Amino acid sequence: MATKERSNGDSRYTIEATGVSKSFGSHTAVDNLTFKIASGEVVGFLGPNGAGKSTTMRLLTSFYTQDTGSILIDGVDTLAHDRLTRQSIGYLPENNPLYGDLLVQEYLSFVADLRGLTGAERSENLDRTVEETGLQEVFYRPISQLSKGYRQRVGLAQAILHRPSILVMDEPTEGLDPNQRLTIRDLIRSLGQERTVLLSTHVMQEVETTCERVLLISRGKLVTDSPVEELLVRARGQRQVHVEIEGNEVETGLKRLPNVGAVDRLAPVEGRKRYVVSVAGDEDLRPQIFALAKERNWVLWELHEDRARLEDVFHSLTAENGGGDTEDA
């Protein structure tokens, strides 16, 4: 096996893209893209249709070659050593191409052959991969007879069979039912404990529950690179707390709490007062409302905060940058 020759990359990062661009004719799919992903990070890769997500993933995995810029995988340049860098990557494309007439065991054995796995390493990798992806019950069944959820598990299995340091996934839960989505999310979180994961999806809940950080692109350009929690704070703007309550001088008491911007009165329900309290800053006001209600002998019927949605940030940032409504190149 060839020896890895590190370029000038930082050893903390498994993926480094610098000034990467890719065009197809007159269409620029990826435009001067620069980002780094550290070892062990689980990163959501977001953008509207036509933003350049799939093209970027194909560049990272050497299915495409960039026109300009550099990509380092584990510190190794993909242009100089594309076959070598592919050994560090497991890739699950959106269409998850499988051979339906093969048994799961036959398909994974075929992938092991393609990866050059032999002897004890081959046996150990197969056993570990089957266990990690939960394929024991269907190991000797034809792939064509599997549910969509199990077919995705087989796709993940082929992607990690050679124990790569990086796992790149394009819409891994597309077409799954809610229960299957939850199972695959749990599996992705588990797989991310040992490797870097780059996850492209349109399902914001998957990003919130699975990823630590978000890269968002629009029209081939990087729009934001932020931890998920920072984006949720940005989405929140003003926090809003909904209160349903019985008591005297409630509205006056709520307005006197710190950082309250407004107290909007809603229609009462069965004589109970209802308000939406808008709060500046990032402090959760609910404990203070509860303490005030206890002090003044108010009866709390409801106290909840509107949850910030990553989807709101996505729509806001992509709208500011012109969005994208064409198919990804």
Protein backbone atom coordinates (compact mmCIF):
# COMPACT_ATOMS: atom_id res chain seq x y z
CA MET A 1 0.00 0.00 0.00
CA ALA A 2 1.24 3.49 -0.81
CA THR A 3 2.50 5.67 1.99
CA LYS A 4 0.56 8.85 2.72
CA GLU A 5 2.50 12.02 1.96
CA ARG A 6 1.07 14.88 4.00
CA SER A 7 0.79 18.28 2.37
CA ASN A 8 0.79 21.51 4.37
CA GLY A 9 -2.50 20.67 6.09
CA ASP A 10 -3.25 20.95 9.78
CA SER A 11 -3.21 17.52 11.45
CA ARG A 12 -6.30 18.47 13.49
CA TYR A 13 -8.45 18.44 10.36
CA THR A 14 -9.54 15.45 8.30
CA ILE A 15 -11.09 17.62 5.56
CA GLU A 16 -9.64 20.92 4.33
CA ALA A 17 -11.14 22.65 1.28
CA THR A 18 -9.47 25.89 0.17
CA GLY A 19 -10.79 28.11 -2.64
CA VAL A 20 -12.51 25.17 -4.37
CA SER A 21 -14.51 25.91 -7.52
CA LYS A 22 -16.20 23.69 -10.10
CA SER A 23 -18.09 24.68 -13.24
CA PHE A 24 -20.05 22.74 -15.83
CA GLY A 25 -20.03 24.81 -19.00
CA SER A 26 -21.30 28.28 -18.08
CA HIS A 27 -22.80 27.06 -14.78
CA THR A 28 -20.68 27.50 -11.64
CA ALA A 29 -21.78 24.77 -9.26
CA VAL A 30 -19.18 25.43 -6.52
CA ASP A 31 -17.73 28.90 -6.12
CA ASN A 32 -14.51 29.50 -4.11
CA LEU A 33 -15.55 27.22 -1.26
CA THR A 34 -13.32 27.15 1.83
CA PHE A 35 -13.93 25.18 5.04
CA LYS A 36 -12.26 22.77 7.47
CA ILE A 37 -13.69 19.83 9.40
CA ALA A 38 -11.88 18.52 12.46
CA SER A 39 -11.36 14.90 13.32
CA GLY A 40 -14.43 13.43 15.04
CA GLU A 41 -16.85 16.23 14.12
CA VAL A 42 -20.38 15.50 12.88
CA VAL A 43 -21.19 18.33 10.46
CA GLY A 44 -24.45 19.08 8.67
CA PHE A 45 -24.04 20.21 5.06
CA LEU A 46 -27.08 22.25 4.06
CA GLY A 47 -28.38 24.24 1.13
CA PRO A 48 -31.36 24.48 -1.22
CA ASN A 49 -31.62 22.40 -4.37
CA GLY A 50 -29.00 23.57 -6.83
CA ALA A 51 -26.76 25.01 -4.11
CA GLY A 52 -23.82 22.71 -4.98
CA LYS A 53 -23.99 20.20 -2.11
CA SER A 54 -23.80 17.03 -4.17
CA THR A 55 -21.10 18.51 -6.40
CA THR A 56 -19.04 19.39 -3.33
CA MET A 57 -19.41 15.87 -1.96
CA ARG A 58 -18.31 14.40 -5.27
CA LEU A 59 -15.27 16.69 -5.22
CA LEU A 60 -14.36 15.59 -1.70
CA THR A 61 -14.65 11.93 -2.68
CA SER A 62 -12.72 12.43 -5.98
CA PHE A 63 -15.67 11.54 -8.19
CA TYR A 64 -15.14 15.02 -9.64
CA THR A 65 -11.97 17.08 -9.96
CA GLN A 66 -12.08 20.73 -8.97
CA ASP A 67 -11.22 23.46 -11.50
CA THR A 68 -9.39 25.56 -8.91
CA GLY A 69 -8.44 25.28 -5.25
CA SER A 70 -7.23 22.38 -3.14
CA ILE A 71 -8.80 19.58 -1.10
CA LEU A 72 -6.84 17.75 1.58
CA ILE A 73 -8.11 14.50 3.07
CA ASP A 74 -6.21 13.56 6.23
CA GLY A 75 -3.59 16.06 5.04
CA VAL A 76 -3.21 14.44 1.62
CA ASP A 77 -3.97 16.31 -1.60
CA THR A 78 -6.78 14.71 -3.61
CA LEU A 79 -5.36 15.84 -6.96
CA ALA A 80 -1.94 14.32 -6.32
CA HIS A 81 -3.17 11.15 -4.58
CA ASP A 82 -6.84 10.61 -5.43
CA ARG A 83 -6.79 6.82 -5.02
CA LEU A 84 -5.01 7.14 -1.70
CA THR A 85 -7.41 9.73 -0.31
CA ARG A 86 -10.40 7.61 -1.30
CA GLN A 87 -9.18 4.99 1.16
CA SER A 88 -9.89 7.47 3.98
CA ILE A 89 -13.50 8.08 2.90
CA GLY A 90 -16.72 6.11 3.12
CA TYR A 91 -19.41 7.50 0.81
CA LEU A 92 -23.16 6.91 0.85
CA PRO A 93 -24.64 8.70 -2.19
CA GLU A 94 -28.27 9.77 -2.29
CA ASN A 95 -29.39 6.99 -4.64
CA ASN A 96 -27.56 4.27 -2.60
CA PRO A 97 -26.75 1.94 -5.54
CA LEU A 98 -27.08 -1.70 -4.48
CA TYR A 99 -27.23 -5.06 -6.28
CA GLY A 100 -30.70 -6.31 -5.41
CA ASP A 101 -30.14 -9.87 -6.62
CA LEU A 102 -27.26 -10.41 -4.19
CA LEU A 103 -27.56 -11.50 -0.59
CA VAL A 104 -26.35 -8.93 1.94
CA GLN A 105 -23.46 -11.29 2.72
CA GLU A 106 -22.54 -11.57 -0.97
CA TYR A 107 -22.72 -7.82 -1.53
CA LEU A 108 -20.51 -6.96 1.45
CA SER A 109 -18.07 -9.68 0.41
CA PHE A 110 -17.97 -8.10 -3.06
CA VAL A 111 -17.27 -4.68 -1.53
CA ALA A 112 -14.52 -6.23 0.60
CA ASP A 113 -12.95 -7.57 -2.60
CA LEU A 114 -13.09 -4.12 -4.20
CA ARG A 115 -11.46 -2.62 -1.12
CA GLY A 116 -8.67 -5.19 -1.20
CA LEU A 117 -9.50 -6.58 2.24
CA THR A 118 -8.02 -10.00 2.95
CA GLY A 119 -7.33 -12.41 5.78
CA ALA A 120 -7.95 -11.47 9.38
CA GLU A 121 -8.58 -7.81 8.55
CA ARG A 122 -11.35 -8.78 6.14
CA SER A 123 -13.05 -11.09 8.63
CA GLU A 124 -12.75 -8.60 11.50
CA ASN A 125 -14.06 -5.69 9.43
CA LEU A 126 -17.04 -7.68 8.17
CA ASP A 127 -18.02 -8.86 11.66
CA ARG A 128 -17.64 -5.39 13.17
CA THR A 129 -19.52 -3.66 10.34
CA VAL A 130 -22.46 -6.07 10.46
CA GLU A 131 -22.71 -5.56 14.20
CA GLU A 132 -22.45 -1.75 13.99
CA THR A 133 -25.16 -1.48 11.33
CA GLY A 134 -27.47 -4.11 12.83
CA LEU A 135 -27.58 -6.38 9.78
CA GLN A 136 -27.33 -9.72 11.61
CA GLU A 137 -30.99 -10.68 11.01
CA VAL A 138 -30.87 -9.99 7.25
CA PHE A 139 -27.28 -11.02 6.51
CA TYR A 140 -28.36 -13.97 4.35
CA ARG A 141 -31.37 -12.34 2.71
CA PRO A 142 -31.52 -10.90 -0.82
CA ILE A 143 -31.15 -7.12 -0.83
CA SER A 144 -34.23 -6.82 -3.06
CA GLN A 145 -36.37 -8.22 -0.23
CA LEU A 146 -35.19 -5.72 2.37
CA SER A 147 -37.12 -2.69 3.62
CA LYS A 148 -35.84 0.77 2.68
CA GLY A 149 -34.47 1.14 6.18
CA TYR A 150 -32.41 -2.03 5.93
CA ARG A 151 -31.22 -1.09 2.44
CA GLN A 152 -29.89 2.15 3.91
CA ARG A 153 -28.12 0.13 6.57
CA VAL A 154 -26.50 -1.97 3.84
CA GLY A 155 -25.42 1.27 2.13
CA LEU A 156 -23.87 2.49 5.36
CA ALA A 157 -22.19 -0.88 5.84
CA GLN A 158 -20.44 -0.70 2.48
CA ALA A 159 -19.34 2.85 3.29
CA ILE A 160 -17.60 1.91 6.56
CA LEU A 161 -16.43 -1.62 5.73
CA HIS A 162 -12.83 -0.47 5.16
CA ARG A 163 -12.88 1.52 8.46
CA PRO A 164 -12.48 5.00 6.94
CA SER A 165 -11.70 8.07 9.05
CA ILE A 166 -14.37 10.07 7.17
CA LEU A 167 -17.98 9.22 6.36
CA VAL A 168 -19.79 11.33 3.73
CA MET A 169 -23.56 10.84 3.40
CA ASP A 170 -25.98 12.45 0.95
CA GLU A 171 -29.63 12.39 2.16
CA PRO A 172 -29.25 9.12 4.14
CA THR A 173 -32.87 9.13 5.42
CA GLU A 174 -34.60 10.12 2.18
CA GLY A 175 -37.76 8.07 1.63
CA LEU A 176 -37.76 6.48 5.09
CA ASP A 177 -40.78 6.41 7.39
CA PRO A 178 -40.54 8.23 10.78
CA ASN A 179 -39.51 5.10 12.69
CA GLN A 180 -36.82 4.25 10.15
CA ARG A 181 -35.55 7.84 10.28
CA LEU A 182 -35.09 7.62 14.04
CA THR A 183 -33.20 4.34 13.71
CA ILE A 184 -30.85 5.68 11.04
CA ARG A 185 -30.26 8.90 13.04
CA ASP A 186 -29.24 6.83 16.05
CA LEU A 187 -26.95 4.80 13.82
CA ILE A 188 -25.34 7.94 12.37
CA ARG A 189 -24.69 9.31 15.87
CA SER A 190 -23.11 6.01 16.82
CA LEU A 191 -20.92 5.93 13.70
CA GLY A 192 -19.83 9.50 14.39
CA GLN A 193 -18.19 8.50 17.66
CA GLU A 194 -15.20 7.05 15.81
CA ARG A 195 -14.96 9.12 12.63
CA THR A 196 -15.63 12.46 10.99
CA VAL A 197 -19.13 12.64 9.48
CA LEU A 198 -20.36 15.05 6.80
CA LEU A 199 -24.13 14.77 6.45
CA SER A 200 -26.18 16.41 3.71
CA THR A 201 -29.93 16.51 4.33
CA HIS A 202 -33.04 18.63 3.85
CA VAL A 203 -34.46 17.48 7.19
CA MET A 204 -33.57 20.16 9.73
CA GLN A 205 -34.51 17.97 12.70
CA GLU A 206 -31.81 15.51 11.69
CA VAL A 207 -29.22 18.28 11.81
CA GLU A 208 -30.44 19.54 15.20
CA THR A 209 -30.38 16.09 16.76
CA THR A 210 -27.29 14.68 15.04
CA CYS A 211 -24.83 17.43 14.14
CA GLU A 212 -22.55 19.70 16.15
CA ARG A 213 -21.94 22.22 13.38
CA VAL A 214 -23.51 23.43 10.14
CA LEU A 215 -22.03 24.40 6.80
CA LEU A 216 -24.67 26.15 4.70
CA ILE A 217 -24.11 26.96 1.04
CA SER A 218 -26.22 28.83 -1.50
CA ARG A 219 -25.44 29.16 -5.21
CA GLY A 220 -22.14 27.39 -4.62
CA LYS A 221 -20.91 29.86 -1.99
CA LEU A 222 -20.47 29.28 1.74
CA VAL A 223 -23.14 31.30 3.57
CA THR A 224 -22.43 30.27 7.15
CA ASP A 225 -20.18 28.00 9.17
CA SER A 226 -21.46 27.85 12.75
CA PRO A 227 -22.19 25.50 15.65
CA VAL A 228 -25.82 24.37 15.67
CA GLU A 229 -26.49 26.08 19.01
CA GLU A 230 -25.30 29.46 17.68
CA LEU A 231 -27.65 29.15 14.71
CA LEU A 232 -30.55 28.32 17.01
CA VAL A 233 -29.82 31.45 19.06
CA ARG A 234 -29.80 33.44 15.83
CA ALA A 235 -33.11 31.87 14.83
CA ARG A 236 -34.63 32.69 18.16
CA GLY A 237 -33.96 36.43 18.03
CA GLN A 238 -36.39 37.25 20.82
CA ARG A 239 -37.49 34.31 22.92
CA GLN A 240 -41.23 33.98 23.34
CA VAL A 241 -42.84 32.37 26.38
CA HIS A 242 -46.52 31.39 26.40
CA VAL A 243 -48.32 31.73 29.73
CA GLU A 244 -51.83 30.64 30.73
CA ILE A 245 -52.56 31.72 34.28
CA GLU A 246 -55.06 32.69 36.98
CA GLY A 247 -54.30 35.54 39.38
CA ASN A 248 -54.29 39.27 40.04
CA GLU A 249 -52.10 41.89 38.33
CA VAL A 250 -50.49 39.23 36.17
CA GLU A 251 -49.72 41.44 33.19
CA THR A 252 -48.09 44.11 35.37
CA GLY A 253 -45.98 41.51 37.15
CA LEU A 254 -44.79 39.94 33.90
CA LYS A 255 -43.79 43.30 32.43
CA ARG A 256 -41.55 44.00 35.41
CA LEU A 257 -39.42 40.91 34.91
CA PRO A 258 -35.90 41.62 33.54
CA ASN A 259 -35.31 41.76 29.77
CA VAL A 260 -39.02 41.56 28.94
CA GLY A 261 -39.64 43.40 25.68
CA ALA A 262 -43.40 42.99 25.44
CA VAL A 263 -46.33 41.20 27.01
CA ASP A 264 -49.05 40.51 24.43
CA ARG A 265 -52.49 39.59 25.71
CA LEU A 266 -54.27 36.71 23.99
CA ALA A 267 -57.93 35.74 24.16
CA PRO A 268 -58.75 34.11 27.52
CA VAL A 269 -59.73 30.46 27.81
CA GLU A 270 -62.51 29.65 30.31
CA GLY A 271 -61.66 32.82 32.20
CA ARG A 272 -57.93 32.08 32.38
CA LYS A 273 -55.57 34.82 31.21
CA ARG A 274 -53.17 34.09 28.36
CA TYR A 275 -50.06 36.02 27.33
CA VAL A 276 -47.06 35.83 25.02
CA VAL A 277 -43.99 37.27 26.74
CA SER A 278 -41.16 38.41 24.42
CA VAL A 279 -37.71 38.37 25.98
CA ALA A 280 -34.54 40.01 24.69
CA GLY A 281 -31.30 38.07 25.03
CA ASP A 282 -30.71 34.38 25.52
CA GLU A 283 -31.92 33.89 29.11
CA ASP A 284 -34.75 31.43 29.75
CA LEU A 285 -37.44 33.40 31.61
CA ARG A 286 -39.59 30.42 32.64
CA PRO A 287 -37.97 29.81 36.06
CA GLN A 288 -38.54 33.46 36.97
CA ILE A 289 -42.18 33.32 35.86
CA PHE A 290 -42.68 30.18 37.92
CA ALA A 291 -41.08 31.79 40.99
CA LEU A 292 -43.21 34.92 40.57
CA ALA A 293 -46.39 32.83 40.26
CA LYS A 294 -45.49 30.99 43.45
CA GLU A 295 -44.76 34.24 45.28
CA ARG A 296 -48.07 35.87 44.23
CA ASN A 297 -50.21 32.74 44.50
CA TRP A 298 -51.02 32.67 40.81
CA VAL A 299 -52.22 29.37 39.32
CA LEU A 300 -50.16 28.34 36.30
CA TRP A 301 -52.04 26.30 33.72
CA GLU A 302 -49.44 26.51 30.96
CA LEU A 303 -45.86 27.72 30.66
CA HIS A 304 -43.83 26.92 27.57
CA GLU A 305 -41.35 28.55 25.24
CA ASP A 306 -41.56 28.61 21.46
CA ARG A 307 -38.63 26.48 20.32
CA ALA A 308 -36.22 28.06 17.89
CA ARG A 309 -36.11 26.28 14.55
CA LEU A 310 -33.05 25.75 12.41
CA GLU A 311 -35.40 25.83 9.46
CA ASP A 312 -35.99 29.56 10.11
CA VAL A 313 -32.26 30.31 9.80
CA PHE A 314 -32.04 28.16 6.67
CA HIS A 315 -34.84 30.08 4.93
CA SER A 316 -33.51 33.44 6.07
CA LEU A 317 -29.90 32.92 5.00
CA THR A 318 -30.66 31.26 1.68
CA ALA A 319 -33.24 33.94 0.82
CA GLU A 320 -30.65 36.64 1.49
CA ASN A 321 -28.30 34.92 -0.95
CA GLY A 322 -30.79 34.31 -3.73
CA GLY A 323 -31.67 30.73 -2.78
CA GLY A 324 -31.44 28.06 -5.44
CA ASP A 325 -34.13 26.17 -7.28
CA THR A 326 -32.34 24.18 -9.93
CA GLU A 327 -31.16 20.58 -9.69
CA ASP A 328 -27.73 20.10 -8.16
CA ALA A 329 -25.11 19.59 -10.81
